[in-house]
Amino acid sequence: MKNEFILIRLVARGLLDIRIAAGSGNMTACYVLSDFIHTLPYSIERISKGEINYQDVMDDLSERAKIKKMESWLANALSDINTSV
Protein backbone atom coordinates (compact mmCIF):
# COMPACT_ATOMS: atom_id res chain seq x y z
CA MET A 1 0.00 0.00 0.00
CA LYS A 2 1.26 3.44 -0.85
CA ASN A 3 2.46 5.16 2.32
CA GLU A 4 0.23 8.19 1.86
CA PHE A 5 -2.80 5.88 1.83
CA ILE A 6 -1.78 4.52 5.22
CA LEU A 7 -1.82 8.07 6.57
CA ILE A 8 -5.20 8.75 4.94
CA ARG A 9 -6.57 5.60 6.54
CA LEU A 10 -5.20 6.74 9.91
CA VAL A 11 -7.16 9.97 9.51
CA ALA A 12 -10.28 8.01 8.58
CA ARG A 13 -9.85 5.67 11.54
CA GLY A 14 -9.34 8.65 13.83
CA LEU A 15 -12.50 10.34 12.57
CA LEU A 16 -14.47 7.15 13.09
CA ASP A 17 -13.15 6.79 16.63
CA ILE A 18 -13.94 10.46 17.34
CA ARG A 19 -17.51 9.87 16.14
CA ILE A 20 -17.83 6.84 18.43
CA ALA A 21 -16.42 8.78 21.39
CA ALA A 22 -18.75 11.71 20.72
CA GLY A 23 -21.72 9.36 20.53
CA SER A 24 -20.91 8.08 23.99
CA GLY A 25 -20.29 11.58 25.35
CA ASN A 26 -16.54 11.15 25.81
CA MET A 27 -15.43 14.65 24.86
CA THR A 28 -11.97 14.12 26.35
CA ALA A 29 -11.31 11.26 23.94
CA CYS A 30 -12.62 13.41 21.07
CA TYR A 31 -10.21 16.18 21.95
CA VAL A 32 -7.18 13.97 22.51
CA LEU A 33 -7.67 12.00 19.30
CA SER A 34 -8.42 15.03 17.14
CA ASP A 35 -5.37 16.77 18.58
CA PHE A 36 -3.29 13.71 17.76
CA ILE A 37 -4.34 13.31 14.10
CA HIS A 38 -5.06 16.87 12.98
CA THR A 39 -1.62 17.37 11.40
CA LEU A 40 -1.78 14.27 9.19
CA PRO A 41 -3.47 15.95 6.17
CA TYR A 42 -0.73 18.60 6.16
CA SER A 43 1.91 15.86 6.41
CA ILE A 44 0.41 14.07 3.41
CA GLU A 45 0.53 17.31 1.45
CA ARG A 46 4.18 17.86 2.43
CA ILE A 47 5.05 14.30 1.37
CA SER A 48 3.46 14.88 -2.03
CA LYS A 49 5.56 18.05 -2.43
CA GLY A 50 8.73 16.16 -1.51
CA GLU A 51 9.37 18.30 1.57
CA ILE A 52 9.37 15.33 3.94
CA ASN A 53 9.06 11.58 3.61
CA TYR A 54 6.76 8.95 5.08
CA GLN A 55 9.31 7.81 7.65
CA ASP A 56 9.67 11.38 8.95
CA VAL A 57 5.91 11.49 9.53
CA MET A 58 5.82 8.09 11.21
CA ASP A 59 8.75 9.00 13.46
CA ASP A 60 7.02 12.22 14.49
CA LEU A 61 3.72 10.41 14.99
CA SER A 62 5.39 7.80 17.19
CA GLU A 63 7.00 10.50 19.33
CA ARG A 64 3.72 12.36 19.66
CA ALA A 65 1.95 9.09 20.52
CA LYS A 66 4.34 8.64 23.46
CA ILE A 67 3.79 12.19 24.68
CA LYS A 68 0.01 12.04 24.34
CA LYS A 69 -0.29 8.45 25.58
CA MET A 70 -1.73 7.36 22.23
CA GLU A 71 0.71 4.52 21.56
CA SER A 72 -1.96 1.84 21.95
CA TRP A 73 -4.39 3.63 19.64
CA LEU A 74 -1.69 4.11 16.99
CA ALA A 75 -0.53 0.47 17.18
CA ASN A 76 -4.11 -0.82 16.93
CA ALA A 77 -4.99 1.50 14.06
CA LEU A 78 -1.86 0.55 12.10
CA SER A 79 -2.50 -3.13 12.75
CA ASP A 80 -6.09 -2.82 11.52
CA ILE A 81 -4.94 -0.93 8.41
CA ASN A 82 -2.27 -3.52 7.60
CA THR A 83 -4.65 -6.46 8.03
CA SER A 84 -7.40 -4.87 5.94
CA VAL A 85 -5.20 -4.54 2.86
C-alpha atoms as a PDB file:
ATOM      1  CA  MET A   1       0.000   0.000   0.000  1.00  0.00           C
ATOM      2  CA  LYS A   2       1.262   3.443  -0.851  1.00  0.00           C
ATOM      3  CA  ASN A   3       2.458   5.158   2.319  1.00  0.00           C
ATOM      4  CA  GLU A   4       0.229   8.194   1.860  1.00  0.00           C
ATOM      5  CA  PHE A   5      -2.804   5.884   1.830  1.00  0.00           C
ATOM      6  CA  ILE A   6      -1.775   4.522   5.222  1.00  0.00           C
ATOM      7  CA  LEU A   7      -1.821   8.067   6.573  1.00  0.00           C
ATOM      8  CA  ILE A   8      -5.199   8.747   4.939  1.00  0.00           C
ATOM      9  CA  ARG A   9      -6.571   5.596   6.545  1.00  0.00           C
ATOM     10  CA  LEU A  10      -5.201   6.743   9.912  1.00  0.00           C
ATOM     11  CA  VAL A  11      -7.163   9.969   9.511  1.00  0.00           C
ATOM     12  CA  ALA A  12     -10.285   8.015   8.578  1.00  0.00           C
ATOM     13  CA  ARG A  13      -9.847   5.671  11.538  1.00  0.00           C
ATOM     14  CA  GLY A  14      -9.343   8.650  13.831  1.00  0.00           C
ATOM     15  CA  LEU A  15     -12.496  10.337  12.568  1.00  0.00           C
ATOM     16  CA  LEU A  16     -14.466   7.148  13.093  1.00  0.00           C
ATOM     17  CA  ASP A  17     -13.146   6.787  16.635  1.00  0.00           C
ATOM     18  CA  ILE A  18     -13.942  10.457  17.335  1.00  0.00           C
ATOM     19  CA  ARG A  19     -17.511   9.865  16.142  1.00  0.00           C
ATOM     20  CA  ILE A  20     -17.825   6.839  18.427  1.00  0.00           C
ATOM     21  CA  ALA A  21     -16.421   8.778  21.391  1.00  0.00           C
ATOM     22  CA  ALA A  22     -18.753  11.710  20.716  1.00  0.00           C
ATOM     23  CA  GLY A  23     -21.721   9.365  20.532  1.00  0.00           C
ATOM     24  CA  SER A  24     -20.905   8.077  23.994  1.00  0.00           C
ATOM     25  CA  GLY A  25     -20.290  11.576  25.350  1.00  0.00           C
ATOM     26  CA  ASN A  26     -16.540  11.148  25.809  1.00  0.00           C
ATOM     27  CA  MET A  27     -15.432  14.650  24.856  1.00  0.00           C
ATOM     28  CA  THR A  28     -11.968  14.124  26.352  1.00  0.00           C
ATOM     29  CA  ALA A  29     -11.314  11.261  23.938  1.00  0.00           C
ATOM     30  CA  CYS A  30     -12.622  13.406  21.074  1.00  0.00           C
ATOM     31  CA  TYR A  31     -10.215  16.183  21.948  1.00  0.00           C
ATOM     32  CA  VAL A  32      -7.177  13.969  22.507  1.00  0.00           C
ATOM     33  CA  LEU A  33      -7.668  11.995  19.302  1.00  0.00           C
ATOM     34  CA  SER A  34      -8.420  15.034  17.141  1.00  0.00           C
ATOM     35  CA  ASP A  35      -5.374  16.766  18.583  1.00  0.00           C
ATOM     36  CA  PHE A  36      -3.292  13.707  17.760  1.00  0.00           C
ATOM     37  CA  ILE A  37      -4.344  13.314  14.098  1.00  0.00           C
ATOM     38  CA  HIS A  38      -5.057  16.871  12.983  1.00  0.00           C
ATOM     39  CA  THR A  39      -1.622  17.370  11.399  1.00  0.00           C
ATOM     40  CA  LEU A  40      -1.776  14.272   9.191  1.00  0.00           C
ATOM     41  CA  PRO A  41      -3.467  15.946   6.172  1.00  0.00           C
ATOM     42  CA  TYR A  42      -0.728  18.596   6.161  1.00  0.00           C
ATOM     43  CA  SER A  43       1.911  15.863   6.410  1.00  0.00           C
ATOM     44  CA  ILE A  44       0.410  14.070   3.413  1.00  0.00           C
ATOM     45  CA  GLU A  45       0.531  17.312   1.454  1.00  0.00           C
ATOM     46  CA  ARG A  46       4.180  17.862   2.430  1.00  0.00           C
ATOM     47  CA  ILE A  47       5.055  14.298   1.374  1.00  0.00           C
ATOM     48  CA  SER A  48       3.457  14.878  -2.031  1.00  0.00           C
ATOM     49  CA  LYS A  49       5.559  18.050  -2.432  1.00  0.00           C
ATOM     50  CA  GLY A  50       8.734  16.159  -1.511  1.00  0.00           C
ATOM     51  CA  GLU A  51       9.369  18.300   1.572  1.00  0.00           C
ATOM     52  CA  ILE A  52       9.365  15.327   3.945  1.00  0.00           C
ATOM     53  CA  ASN A  53       9.061  11.583   3.610  1.00  0.00           C
ATOM     54  CA  TYR A  54       6.757   8.951   5.077  1.00  0.00           C
ATOM     55  CA  GLN A  55       9.308   7.809   7.654  1.00  0.00           C
ATOM     56  CA  ASP A  56       9.671  11.382   8.950  1.00  0.00           C
ATOM     57  CA  VAL A  57       5.915  11.494   9.530  1.00  0.00           C
ATOM     58  CA  MET A  58       5.818   8.092  11.212  1.00  0.00           C
ATOM     59  CA  ASP A  59       8.751   8.998  13.465  1.00  0.00           C
ATOM     60  CA  ASP A  60       7.018  12.224  14.488  1.00  0.00           C
ATOM     61  CA  LEU A  61       3.718  10.413  14.991  1.00  0.00           C
ATOM     62  CA  SER A  62       5.394   7.802  17.190  1.00  0.00           C
ATOM     63  CA  GLU A  63       6.998  10.499  19.334  1.00  0.00           C
ATOM     64  CA  ARG A  64       3.720  12.364  19.656  1.00  0.00           C
ATOM     65  CA  ALA A  65       1.954   9.093  20.523  1.00  0.00           C
ATOM     66  CA  LYS A  66       4.338   8.642  23.456  1.00  0.00           C
ATOM     67  CA  ILE A  67       3.793  12.188  24.683  1.00  0.00           C
ATOM     68  CA  LYS A  68       0.008  12.036  24.342  1.00  0.00           C
ATOM     69  CA  LYS A  69      -0.293   8.446  25.583  1.00  0.00           C
ATOM     70  CA  MET A  70      -1.732   7.362  22.230  1.00  0.00           C
ATOM     71  CA  GLU A  71       0.709   4.517  21.564  1.00  0.00           C
ATOM     72  CA  SER A  72      -1.956   1.843  21.954  1.00  0.00           C
ATOM     73  CA  TRP A  73      -4.385   3.626  19.640  1.00  0.00           C
ATOM     74  CA  LEU A  74      -1.691   4.106  16.987  1.00  0.00           C
ATOM     75  CA  ALA A  75      -0.535   0.473  17.182  1.00  0.00           C
ATOM     76  CA  ASN A  76      -4.112  -0.823  16.931  1.00  0.00           C
ATOM     77  CA  ALA A  77      -4.987   1.499  14.060  1.00  0.00           C
ATOM     78  CA  LEU A  78      -1.861   0.551  12.097  1.00  0.00           C
ATOM     79  CA  SER A  79      -2.498  -3.130  12.754  1.00  0.00           C
ATOM     80  CA  ASP A  80      -6.086  -2.820  11.518  1.00  0.00           C
ATOM     81  CA  ILE A  81      -4.940  -0.934   8.413  1.00  0.00           C
ATOM     82  CA  ASN A  82      -2.269  -3.518   7.598  1.00  0.00           C
ATOM     83  CA  THR A  83      -4.646  -6.459   8.031  1.00  0.00           C
ATOM     84  CA  SER A  84      -7.401  -4.869   5.937  1.00  0.00           C
ATOM     85  CA  VAL A  85      -5.199  -4.544   2.860  1.00  0.00           C
END
